[in-house]
Amino acid sequence: MSSVPRFHACPDERRLVASRAAIGFALLNLPLGAAAVAADWPTTVDAPADQGSAAQSFLSRGTALSGPVAPVLLTGALGLLARRRDRFGLAATGLIGAMGTLITINGARQALSRPAAHSPRPVLMAGGAIFTALGLSLTVASGRALAAHRAPAGPVREAR
């Protein structure tokens, strides 16, 4: 074993990672949503057969490649709020993890959902895989930030 001390990451640095991940998730939904609307791929998970256009679906239910607007905006807002160094920032960091868990579940549901006439199966699987990976990254980043907040400050020597 090495005698070099190992340092814990600063809680603020970990919180910024979670914040950037949440903001990146929100910004990534814009081009994905635009691509799905252009290709007319509305959502298929729990959607009625006559759900309307992909543009309407983007606002209310999400598309085959993007989430609905309200949760995406909420995740982006939590990302901005997580940058604060007070208890509101800490609470926002925890809520990023909760949103990440919901995004992961919905992404897996979409990847495993039955194909529909208006959205090709490979598109549904790709969208589901993207959202599962993004949701997991939000959850892990949030969990690491919360763990760093609880970790002792300063060097920690590894056991020999």
Protein backbone atom coordinates (compact mmCIF):
# COMPACT_ATOMS: atom_id res chain seq x y z
CA MET A 1 0.00 0.00 0.00
CA SER A 2 1.09 3.51 -0.69
CA SER A 3 1.79 5.93 2.12
CA VAL A 4 0.59 8.85 0.01
CA PRO A 5 -2.49 10.38 1.63
CA ARG A 6 -5.74 10.11 -0.27
CA PHE A 7 -7.93 13.21 -0.28
CA HIS A 8 -11.69 13.27 -0.36
CA ALA A 9 -13.17 15.47 -3.05
CA CYS A 10 -14.49 18.78 -1.88
CA PRO A 11 -18.27 18.61 -1.39
CA ASP A 12 -18.67 21.74 -3.51
CA GLU A 13 -16.84 20.11 -6.42
CA ARG A 14 -19.07 17.04 -6.25
CA ARG A 15 -22.15 19.21 -6.03
CA LEU A 16 -21.03 21.10 -9.15
CA VAL A 17 -20.72 17.77 -10.99
CA ALA A 18 -24.33 16.92 -10.09
CA SER A 19 -25.39 20.44 -11.05
CA ARG A 20 -23.66 20.26 -14.43
CA ALA A 21 -25.13 16.82 -15.09
CA ALA A 22 -28.67 18.10 -14.40
CA ILE A 23 -28.20 21.20 -16.56
CA GLY A 24 -26.64 19.09 -19.32
CA PHE A 25 -29.58 16.69 -19.18
CA ALA A 26 -32.02 19.58 -19.59
CA LEU A 27 -30.07 21.08 -22.49
CA LEU A 28 -29.68 17.72 -24.23
CA ASN A 29 -33.47 17.35 -24.36
CA LEU A 30 -33.78 20.33 -26.71
CA PRO A 31 -32.05 18.81 -29.78
CA LEU A 32 -33.43 15.34 -29.00
CA GLY A 33 -36.95 16.74 -28.77
CA ALA A 34 -36.49 18.73 -31.97
CA ALA A 35 -35.29 15.62 -33.81
CA ALA A 36 -38.25 13.58 -32.56
CA VAL A 37 -40.73 16.30 -33.49
CA ALA A 38 -39.17 16.62 -36.96
CA ALA A 39 -39.44 12.85 -37.49
CA ASP A 40 -42.93 12.76 -35.89
CA TRP A 41 -42.01 10.25 -33.16
CA PRO A 42 -44.34 10.94 -30.23
CA THR A 43 -44.10 9.02 -26.99
CA THR A 44 -45.45 5.49 -26.75
CA VAL A 45 -45.31 4.71 -23.03
CA ASP A 46 -48.85 4.90 -21.60
CA ALA A 47 -49.95 7.05 -24.55
CA PRO A 48 -53.40 6.94 -26.09
CA ALA A 49 -53.64 5.87 -29.71
CA ASP A 50 -54.91 9.31 -30.79
CA GLN A 51 -52.34 11.38 -28.90
CA GLY A 52 -51.89 13.97 -31.63
CA SER A 53 -48.69 15.29 -33.14
CA ALA A 54 -45.18 14.85 -31.78
CA ALA A 55 -45.10 18.58 -30.95
CA GLN A 56 -48.13 18.19 -28.67
CA SER A 57 -46.61 15.05 -27.21
CA PHE A 58 -43.32 16.87 -26.53
CA LEU A 59 -45.11 19.37 -24.32
CA SER A 60 -47.28 16.95 -22.37
CA ARG A 61 -45.80 13.42 -22.44
CA GLY A 62 -42.40 13.67 -24.11
CA THR A 63 -41.30 12.09 -27.36
CA ALA A 64 -39.52 8.89 -28.27
CA LEU A 65 -36.21 10.74 -27.78
CA SER A 66 -36.96 13.34 -25.10
CA GLY A 67 -38.84 13.80 -21.88
CA PRO A 68 -41.85 16.03 -21.23
CA VAL A 69 -41.09 19.71 -20.78
CA ALA A 70 -42.07 20.12 -17.11
CA PRO A 71 -39.75 17.46 -15.59
CA VAL A 72 -36.93 18.54 -17.90
CA LEU A 73 -37.29 22.17 -16.76
CA LEU A 74 -37.49 21.02 -13.13
CA THR A 75 -34.27 19.03 -13.49
CA GLY A 76 -32.52 22.04 -15.06
CA ALA A 77 -33.80 24.33 -12.29
CA LEU A 78 -32.56 21.87 -9.65
CA GLY A 79 -29.20 21.90 -11.40
CA LEU A 80 -29.04 25.68 -11.07
CA LEU A 81 -30.21 25.58 -7.45
CA ALA A 82 -27.67 22.87 -6.54
CA ARG A 83 -24.88 25.39 -7.10
CA ARG A 84 -25.84 27.17 -3.88
CA ARG A 85 -23.71 26.42 -0.83
CA ASP A 86 -26.55 26.32 1.66
CA ARG A 87 -29.18 23.75 2.63
CA PHE A 88 -31.26 24.63 -0.45
CA GLY A 89 -28.35 23.62 -2.65
CA LEU A 90 -27.96 20.41 -0.67
CA ALA A 91 -31.69 19.66 -0.97
CA ALA A 92 -31.56 20.36 -4.72
CA THR A 93 -28.64 17.95 -5.01
CA GLY A 94 -30.71 15.24 -3.32
CA LEU A 95 -33.68 15.99 -5.56
CA ILE A 96 -31.44 15.64 -8.63
CA GLY A 97 -30.85 12.07 -7.46
CA ALA A 98 -34.58 11.49 -7.07
CA MET A 99 -35.24 12.86 -10.57
CA GLY A 100 -32.41 10.68 -11.87
CA THR A 101 -34.08 7.61 -10.40
CA LEU A 102 -37.40 8.50 -12.06
CA ILE A 103 -35.65 9.17 -15.37
CA THR A 104 -33.89 5.81 -15.14
CA ILE A 105 -37.16 3.97 -14.52
CA ASN A 106 -38.94 5.77 -17.37
CA GLY A 107 -36.00 5.16 -19.72
CA ALA A 108 -36.06 1.44 -18.96
CA ARG A 109 -39.84 1.36 -19.45
CA GLN A 110 -39.48 2.99 -22.84
CA ALA A 111 -36.68 0.66 -23.95
CA LEU A 112 -38.82 -2.34 -23.02
CA SER A 113 -42.17 -1.00 -24.27
CA ARG A 114 -44.01 -2.53 -27.18
CA PRO A 115 -43.37 -0.88 -30.54
CA ALA A 116 -45.99 1.41 -31.97
CA ALA A 117 -46.89 2.30 -35.53
CA HIS A 118 -45.59 5.86 -35.25
CA SER A 119 -42.23 5.21 -33.52
CA PRO A 120 -39.80 2.55 -34.81
CA ARG A 121 -38.55 0.00 -32.29
CA PRO A 122 -34.84 0.95 -32.68
CA VAL A 123 -35.72 4.58 -31.90
CA LEU A 124 -37.60 3.56 -28.76
CA MET A 125 -34.73 1.35 -27.64
CA ALA A 126 -32.15 4.07 -28.33
CA GLY A 127 -34.19 6.70 -26.52
CA GLY A 128 -34.75 4.37 -23.59
CA ALA A 129 -31.06 3.51 -23.39
CA ILE A 130 -30.09 7.19 -23.52
CA PHE A 131 -32.49 8.09 -20.73
CA THR A 132 -31.53 5.11 -18.60
CA ALA A 133 -27.86 6.11 -18.85
CA LEU A 134 -28.60 9.79 -18.20
CA GLY A 135 -30.82 8.96 -15.23
CA LEU A 136 -28.15 6.71 -13.74
CA SER A 137 -25.53 9.43 -14.16
CA LEU A 138 -27.76 11.94 -12.35
CA THR A 139 -28.40 9.49 -9.52
CA VAL A 140 -24.72 8.58 -9.12
CA ALA A 141 -23.54 12.20 -9.31
CA SER A 142 -26.09 13.22 -6.69
CA GLY A 143 -25.22 10.30 -4.42
CA ARG A 144 -21.50 11.05 -4.63
CA ALA A 145 -22.13 14.72 -3.87
CA LEU A 146 -24.22 13.85 -0.82
CA ALA A 147 -21.60 11.32 0.34
CA ALA A 148 -18.83 13.93 -0.05
CA HIS A 149 -20.90 16.32 2.04
CA ARG A 150 -20.92 13.74 4.87
CA ALA A 151 -17.25 12.70 4.48
CA PRO A 152 -14.59 14.08 6.82
CA ALA A 153 -12.49 16.91 5.45
CA GLY A 154 -8.77 16.57 4.87
CA PRO A 155 -6.46 13.67 4.10
CA VAL A 156 -7.43 10.12 4.92
CA ARG A 157 -4.68 7.54 5.15
CA GLU A 158 -5.33 4.13 3.66
CA ALA A 159 -5.11 1.13 5.98
CA ARG A 160 -1.96 -0.95 5.67
